[in-house]
Amino acid sequence: MAVYTPVPEHEVQALLSRLNLGELQQLSGISAGIENSNFFVDCTAGRYVLTVFERLTPAQLPFYLGLMQHLAAKGLPVPAPQADAQGQILFELQGKPAAVVSCLRGSHQLSPNVFHCEQLGHCLARLHLAVADFPLFQPNLRGLPWWQQVAPTLLDQLPADTAALLRGELHFQLELAGSAAFQELPRGAIHADLFRDNAMFEGLPGREQLCGVFDFYFAGVDSFLFDLAVCLNDWCIDLASGRLIEERATALVAAYEAERPLSAAEHRLLPALLRAAALRFWLSRLDDWYRPRDAQLLKPHDPTHFERVLRERRLNPWHAMKDAS
């Protein structure tokens, strides 16, 4: 959530008035993340988050904002888009689409333990169940077609062994995507980016309760298993090595299955989807690293982290059920 597009305070105040949120008290840029321009907005009605969308188009945004509205209405702890008197939730600032959503309470849990992973597993499964009647469709815009588009632009900039890894993994994922088992995986709207810094907890140290998940702007229709794999690759790993921490990973999947049991096919394909999730974020970090955009508050992520994760997933495939292979 870098700041690419500064927004004058008078424009923010005009939007707050339209939303009946009172007077602007403070506007501050948010430095975390790299896709959109985000600001904390403190006003008479409380604290909100203003997002100015840098890449997503007005045609794409109703899916994301509608998904958040849908989940909030189902009782999921997600930011609720703020609507004007006509029910409009998508606006324009500085010639770009913008939205205001409620600000979640709590703080990040950047060193999750088993207790935190269990809560995340329950929440993720409930999210997947809640989208059964969500009517809008939009593909995962950072899915396989995007991988095929971006990978060739990066190969010449990588060392030979790294480029070979990228080519080989992309070939594996293309073959997987064409398989009958993959195409039959349960699907729906997924978060697709539910890292530990996209969740909020509050409460006593060591017993913090999950109170919200946010940043749905990579959401799309994809396999639920891919969403689970994204979470496992972030919440349940040793950051230095990329190794899955068995206790955390097992707890997260068990909690997920308490709400939505995985099929036998999902269990079999989990190792391959863990590789797919690692590839997706390795590619996006490589793209940001080699083709950075100007921003006032930009902290690109190190792409070598997800290269390590991918190598580890290839070397040591992980099954939640040891007899699933």
Protein backbone atom coordinates (compact mmCIF):
# COMPACT_ATOMS: atom_id res chain seq x y z
CA MET A 1 0.00 0.00 0.00
CA ALA A 2 2.49 2.58 -1.21
CA VAL A 3 1.54 6.12 -2.19
CA TYR A 4 1.78 6.77 -5.93
CA THR A 5 -0.95 9.41 -6.16
CA PRO A 6 -1.07 12.15 -3.51
CA VAL A 7 -4.62 13.37 -2.90
CA PRO A 8 -5.43 16.95 -1.84
CA GLU A 9 -7.24 17.19 1.47
CA HIS A 10 -10.08 19.22 -0.03
CA GLU A 11 -10.89 16.34 -2.42
CA VAL A 12 -10.91 13.89 0.47
CA GLN A 13 -13.20 16.20 2.43
CA ALA A 14 -15.60 16.42 -0.49
CA LEU A 15 -15.76 12.63 -0.63
CA LEU A 16 -16.29 12.37 3.13
CA SER A 17 -19.16 14.82 2.89
CA ARG A 18 -20.71 12.76 0.10
CA LEU A 19 -20.44 9.67 2.34
CA ASN A 20 -21.83 11.53 5.36
CA LEU A 21 -18.70 10.76 7.39
CA GLY A 22 -18.16 14.27 8.76
CA GLU A 23 -15.04 16.43 8.84
CA LEU A 24 -11.53 15.34 7.88
CA GLN A 25 -9.19 15.45 10.87
CA GLN A 26 -6.05 13.78 9.52
CA LEU A 27 -4.90 12.16 6.26
CA SER A 28 -1.78 9.97 6.32
CA GLY A 29 -0.24 7.72 3.68
CA ILE A 30 0.22 4.00 4.38
CA SER A 31 3.65 2.64 3.47
CA ALA A 32 2.95 -1.12 3.51
CA GLY A 33 2.22 -2.90 0.22
CA ILE A 34 3.03 -1.89 -3.33
CA GLU A 35 -0.05 -1.98 -5.58
CA ASN A 36 -2.30 1.00 -4.75
CA SER A 37 -2.18 4.38 -3.02
CA ASN A 38 -3.64 3.99 0.47
CA PHE A 39 -4.32 6.45 3.25
CA PHE A 40 -5.64 6.39 6.78
CA VAL A 41 -8.49 8.87 6.98
CA ASP A 42 -9.37 10.11 10.45
CA CYS A 43 -12.64 12.00 10.48
CA THR A 44 -15.60 12.82 12.68
CA ALA A 45 -17.15 9.38 12.11
CA GLY A 46 -13.94 7.50 12.97
CA ARG A 47 -11.00 6.00 11.08
CA TYR A 48 -11.33 4.70 7.52
CA VAL A 49 -9.02 3.60 4.71
CA LEU A 50 -9.02 5.45 1.40
CA THR A 51 -7.65 3.55 -1.59
CA VAL A 52 -6.78 5.12 -4.93
CA PHE A 53 -6.43 2.29 -7.44
CA GLU A 54 -3.36 2.49 -9.64
CA ARG A 55 -3.76 -0.55 -11.91
CA LEU A 56 -7.30 -1.85 -11.49
CA THR A 57 -9.90 -0.34 -13.78
CA PRO A 58 -13.42 0.89 -13.00
CA ALA A 59 -14.71 -2.18 -14.88
CA GLN A 60 -12.76 -4.56 -12.62
CA LEU A 61 -13.40 -2.91 -9.26
CA PRO A 62 -17.09 -3.80 -8.76
CA PHE A 63 -16.00 -7.42 -8.28
CA TYR A 64 -13.59 -6.59 -5.44
CA LEU A 65 -15.81 -4.08 -3.69
CA GLY A 66 -18.89 -6.24 -4.22
CA LEU A 67 -17.08 -9.23 -2.74
CA MET A 68 -16.20 -7.23 0.36
CA GLN A 69 -19.80 -6.06 0.68
CA HIS A 70 -21.03 -9.63 0.28
CA LEU A 71 -18.66 -11.06 2.89
CA ALA A 72 -19.37 -8.28 5.37
CA ALA A 73 -23.10 -8.93 4.99
CA LYS A 74 -22.41 -12.62 5.76
CA GLY A 75 -20.71 -11.67 9.00
CA LEU A 76 -17.12 -12.15 7.88
CA PRO A 77 -14.63 -9.74 9.52
CA VAL A 78 -13.72 -7.73 6.40
CA PRO A 79 -13.64 -3.99 5.63
CA ALA A 80 -17.02 -2.70 4.49
CA PRO A 81 -17.07 -0.30 1.50
CA GLN A 82 -18.79 2.97 2.38
CA ALA A 83 -21.71 3.98 0.16
CA ASP A 84 -23.22 7.36 -0.63
CA ALA A 85 -26.95 8.10 -0.52
CA GLN A 86 -27.45 6.41 -3.90
CA GLY A 87 -25.59 3.24 -2.85
CA GLN A 88 -22.50 4.09 -4.90
CA ILE A 89 -19.25 2.64 -3.49
CA LEU A 90 -16.81 3.45 -6.33
CA PHE A 91 -15.66 7.05 -6.78
CA GLU A 92 -12.94 9.04 -8.53
CA LEU A 93 -10.04 11.05 -7.10
CA GLN A 94 -7.26 12.63 -9.15
CA GLY A 95 -8.70 11.00 -12.26
CA LYS A 96 -8.41 7.50 -10.77
CA PRO A 97 -10.95 5.15 -9.22
CA ALA A 98 -11.16 5.27 -5.43
CA ALA A 99 -13.06 3.76 -2.51
CA VAL A 100 -13.39 4.28 1.23
CA VAL A 101 -13.70 1.24 3.51
CA SER A 102 -14.01 0.77 7.24
CA CYS A 103 -10.72 0.42 9.10
CA LEU A 104 -10.24 -2.81 11.01
CA ARG A 105 -9.19 -2.69 14.64
CA GLY A 106 -6.24 -4.60 16.03
CA SER A 107 -2.71 -5.15 14.73
CA HIS A 108 -0.75 -7.59 12.61
CA GLN A 109 0.54 -10.85 14.05
CA LEU A 110 3.79 -11.14 12.12
CA SER A 111 5.09 -14.08 14.17
CA PRO A 112 2.08 -16.41 14.13
CA ASN A 113 1.91 -19.53 16.26
CA VAL A 114 -0.36 -22.56 16.06
CA PHE A 115 -3.20 -20.68 17.78
CA HIS A 116 -3.14 -17.89 15.16
CA CYS A 117 -2.90 -20.36 12.27
CA GLU A 118 -5.93 -22.28 13.56
CA GLN A 119 -8.00 -19.09 13.58
CA LEU A 120 -6.87 -18.23 10.07
CA GLY A 121 -7.83 -21.71 8.87
CA HIS A 122 -11.37 -21.38 10.27
CA CYS A 123 -11.77 -17.90 8.78
CA LEU A 124 -10.51 -18.89 5.34
CA ALA A 125 -12.88 -21.84 5.13
CA ARG A 126 -15.82 -19.71 6.21
CA LEU A 127 -14.91 -17.21 3.53
CA HIS A 128 -14.92 -19.97 0.91
CA LEU A 129 -18.30 -21.21 2.09
CA ALA A 130 -19.72 -17.67 2.11
CA VAL A 131 -19.05 -17.05 -1.60
CA ALA A 132 -21.31 -19.91 -2.74
CA ASP A 133 -24.00 -17.37 -3.70
CA PHE A 134 -21.74 -14.48 -4.71
CA PRO A 135 -23.03 -13.61 -8.21
CA LEU A 136 -20.09 -11.74 -9.76
CA PHE A 137 -17.29 -13.36 -11.74
CA GLN A 138 -13.77 -12.22 -12.44
CA PRO A 139 -10.76 -14.49 -13.01
CA ASN A 140 -7.70 -14.39 -10.81
CA LEU A 141 -5.83 -11.65 -12.66
CA ARG A 142 -2.51 -12.94 -11.29
CA GLY A 143 -3.21 -16.51 -12.35
CA LEU A 144 -1.67 -18.71 -15.04
CA PRO A 145 -2.27 -16.37 -18.04
CA TRP A 146 -0.43 -13.61 -16.17
CA TRP A 147 2.42 -15.98 -15.30
CA GLN A 148 2.76 -16.87 -18.99
CA GLN A 149 2.81 -13.20 -19.92
CA VAL A 150 5.32 -12.00 -17.34
CA ALA A 151 7.82 -14.87 -17.11
CA PRO A 152 9.35 -14.37 -20.60
CA THR A 153 10.06 -10.69 -19.81
CA LEU A 154 12.18 -11.69 -16.80
CA LEU A 155 14.21 -14.64 -18.05
CA ASP A 156 17.03 -12.61 -19.63
CA GLN A 157 17.59 -10.76 -16.35
CA LEU A 158 18.05 -13.88 -14.24
CA PRO A 159 21.10 -16.12 -13.70
CA ALA A 160 21.01 -19.25 -15.82
CA ASP A 161 20.07 -21.64 -13.02
CA THR A 162 17.32 -19.32 -11.78
CA ALA A 163 15.91 -18.89 -15.30
CA ALA A 164 15.94 -22.68 -15.69
CA LEU A 165 13.97 -23.02 -12.45
CA LEU A 166 11.40 -20.52 -13.70
CA ARG A 167 11.02 -22.23 -17.08
CA GLY A 168 10.72 -25.65 -15.52
CA GLU A 169 8.14 -24.64 -12.94
CA LEU A 170 6.03 -22.78 -15.47
CA HIS A 171 6.03 -25.87 -17.69
CA PHE A 172 4.95 -28.02 -14.71
CA GLN A 173 2.11 -25.66 -13.83
CA LEU A 174 0.90 -25.53 -17.45
CA GLU A 175 0.68 -29.31 -17.54
CA LEU A 176 -1.07 -29.37 -14.16
CA ALA A 177 -3.64 -26.79 -15.31
CA GLY A 178 -4.53 -29.00 -18.24
CA SER A 179 -5.21 -32.06 -16.12
CA ALA A 180 -8.74 -33.28 -15.38
CA ALA A 181 -8.05 -33.42 -11.64
CA PHE A 182 -7.02 -29.75 -11.55
CA GLN A 183 -9.99 -28.60 -13.60
CA GLU A 184 -12.38 -30.36 -11.22
CA LEU A 185 -11.08 -28.62 -8.10
CA PRO A 186 -13.79 -26.68 -6.20
CA ARG A 187 -13.70 -23.01 -7.17
CA GLY A 188 -15.14 -19.66 -6.24
CA ALA A 189 -14.10 -16.15 -5.30
CA ILE A 190 -10.89 -16.32 -3.26
CA HIS A 191 -8.78 -13.74 -1.46
CA ALA A 192 -5.56 -14.90 -3.22
CA ASP A 193 -3.26 -12.73 -1.08
CA LEU A 194 -4.06 -13.54 2.55
CA PHE A 195 -0.61 -13.06 4.00
CA ARG A 196 -0.03 -12.48 7.70
CA ASP A 197 0.12 -8.71 7.11
CA ASN A 198 -3.40 -8.80 5.64
CA ALA A 199 -4.97 -9.96 8.90
CA MET A 200 -5.61 -8.20 12.20
CA PHE A 201 -5.61 -9.59 15.73
CA GLU A 202 -6.39 -8.14 19.13
CA GLY A 203 -6.30 -9.39 22.71
CA LEU A 204 -3.84 -10.60 25.31
CA PRO A 205 -0.35 -11.53 24.08
CA GLY A 206 -0.27 -15.14 22.95
CA ARG A 207 -4.07 -15.38 22.90
CA GLU A 208 -4.85 -12.75 20.30
CA GLN A 209 -8.13 -13.21 18.44
CA LEU A 210 -8.42 -12.81 14.68
CA CYS A 211 -10.63 -9.76 14.18
CA GLY A 212 -10.29 -9.01 10.48
CA VAL A 213 -8.84 -9.79 7.07
CA PHE A 214 -8.41 -7.18 4.36
CA ASP A 215 -6.81 -6.18 1.05
CA PHE A 216 -9.07 -8.07 -1.33
CA TYR A 217 -7.70 -6.33 -4.41
CA PHE A 218 -6.04 -9.48 -5.76
CA ALA A 219 -9.22 -11.52 -5.31
CA GLY A 220 -10.64 -13.55 -8.18
CA VAL A 221 -12.33 -16.80 -9.05
CA ASP A 222 -9.85 -19.63 -8.67
CA SER A 223 -9.51 -22.90 -6.79
CA PHE A 224 -10.07 -22.75 -3.05
CA LEU A 225 -6.99 -24.96 -2.73
CA PHE A 226 -4.81 -22.25 -4.26
CA ASP A 227 -6.04 -19.82 -1.59
CA LEU A 228 -5.18 -22.33 1.12
CA ALA A 229 -1.73 -22.86 -0.41
CA VAL A 230 -1.04 -19.11 -0.39
CA CYS A 231 -1.79 -19.01 3.33
CA LEU A 232 0.33 -22.07 4.12
CA ASN A 233 3.28 -20.59 2.25
CA ASP A 234 3.21 -17.48 4.42
CA TRP A 235 1.67 -18.32 7.80
CA CYS A 236 3.35 -21.68 8.30
CA ILE A 237 6.95 -21.29 7.19
CA ASP A 238 10.37 -20.61 8.56
CA LEU A 239 11.12 -17.29 6.89
CA ALA A 240 14.86 -17.87 6.66
CA SER A 241 14.66 -21.19 4.80
CA GLY A 242 11.13 -21.30 3.36
CA ARG A 243 10.60 -24.65 5.09
CA LEU A 244 7.04 -25.48 6.14
CA ILE A 245 6.66 -25.75 9.90
CA GLU A 246 4.71 -28.97 10.28
CA GLU A 247 2.88 -28.09 13.49
CA ARG A 248 1.53 -24.81 12.13
CA ALA A 249 0.65 -26.19 8.70
CA THR A 250 -1.18 -29.20 10.14
CA ALA A 251 -3.13 -26.96 12.53
CA LEU A 252 -4.16 -24.54 9.79
CA VAL A 253 -5.42 -27.31 7.50
CA ALA A 254 -7.21 -29.12 10.34
CA ALA A 255 -9.02 -25.91 11.31
CA TYR A 256 -9.95 -25.30 7.67
CA GLU A 257 -11.30 -28.82 7.35
CA ALA A 258 -13.40 -28.40 10.48
CA GLU A 259 -15.44 -25.91 8.39
CA ARG A 260 -14.94 -27.22 4.84
CA PRO A 261 -13.42 -30.70 4.43
CA LEU A 262 -11.00 -31.09 1.55
CA SER A 263 -11.72 -33.70 -1.10
CA ALA A 264 -9.29 -36.54 -1.79
CA ALA A 265 -8.28 -34.76 -5.01
CA GLU A 266 -7.55 -31.56 -3.11
CA HIS A 267 -5.32 -33.46 -0.70
CA ARG A 268 -3.45 -35.08 -3.60
CA LEU A 269 -2.90 -31.79 -5.42
CA LEU A 270 -1.93 -29.69 -2.41
CA PRO A 271 1.85 -30.12 -2.98
CA ALA A 272 1.47 -28.93 -6.58
CA LEU A 273 -0.66 -25.94 -5.51
CA LEU A 274 1.91 -25.01 -2.88
CA ARG A 275 4.39 -24.79 -5.74
CA ALA A 276 1.90 -22.73 -7.79
CA ALA A 277 1.40 -20.27 -4.93
CA ALA A 278 5.16 -19.88 -4.50
CA LEU A 279 5.60 -19.31 -8.25
CA ARG A 280 2.87 -16.66 -8.35
CA PHE A 281 4.49 -14.50 -5.67
CA TRP A 282 8.01 -15.11 -6.90
CA LEU A 283 6.94 -13.80 -10.31
CA SER A 284 5.19 -10.72 -8.92
CA ARG A 285 8.18 -9.84 -6.75
CA LEU A 286 10.58 -10.34 -9.67
CA ASP A 287 8.36 -8.08 -11.78
CA ASP A 288 8.30 -5.37 -9.11
CA TRP A 289 12.05 -5.72 -8.55
CA TYR A 290 13.11 -5.44 -12.19
CA ARG A 291 10.35 -3.06 -13.32
CA PRO A 292 9.76 -0.79 -10.30
CA ARG A 293 7.22 2.03 -10.31
CA ASP A 294 7.77 5.47 -8.82
CA ALA A 295 6.03 6.01 -5.49
CA GLN A 296 6.41 8.25 -2.46
CA LEU A 297 6.39 5.28 -0.07
CA LEU A 298 7.53 2.17 -1.89
CA LYS A 299 9.25 -0.85 -0.37
CA PRO A 300 9.57 -3.60 -3.00
CA HIS A 301 9.81 -7.11 -1.56
CA ASP A 302 12.88 -9.27 -2.05
CA PRO A 303 12.04 -11.85 -4.76
CA THR A 304 14.62 -14.36 -3.49
CA HIS A 305 12.33 -15.22 -0.57
CA PHE A 306 9.77 -16.94 -2.79
CA GLU A 307 12.49 -18.48 -4.93
CA ARG A 308 13.62 -20.24 -1.74
CA VAL A 309 10.04 -21.24 -0.95
CA LEU A 310 9.55 -22.69 -4.43
CA ARG A 311 12.80 -24.65 -4.31
CA GLU A 312 11.81 -26.03 -0.90
CA ARG A 313 8.32 -27.06 -2.11
CA ARG A 314 9.83 -28.87 -5.08
CA LEU A 315 12.43 -30.63 -2.94
CA ASN A 316 10.12 -31.52 -0.04
CA PRO A 317 6.48 -31.89 -1.16
CA TRP A 318 4.08 -31.59 1.79
CA HIS A 319 0.82 -33.46 2.26
CA ALA A 320 -1.63 -32.59 4.99
CA MET A 321 -2.56 -36.29 4.96
CA LYS A 322 0.54 -38.45 4.83
CA ASP A 323 -1.22 -41.18 2.89
CA ALA A 324 -2.58 -38.75 0.26
CA SER A 325 0.31 -39.36 -2.12
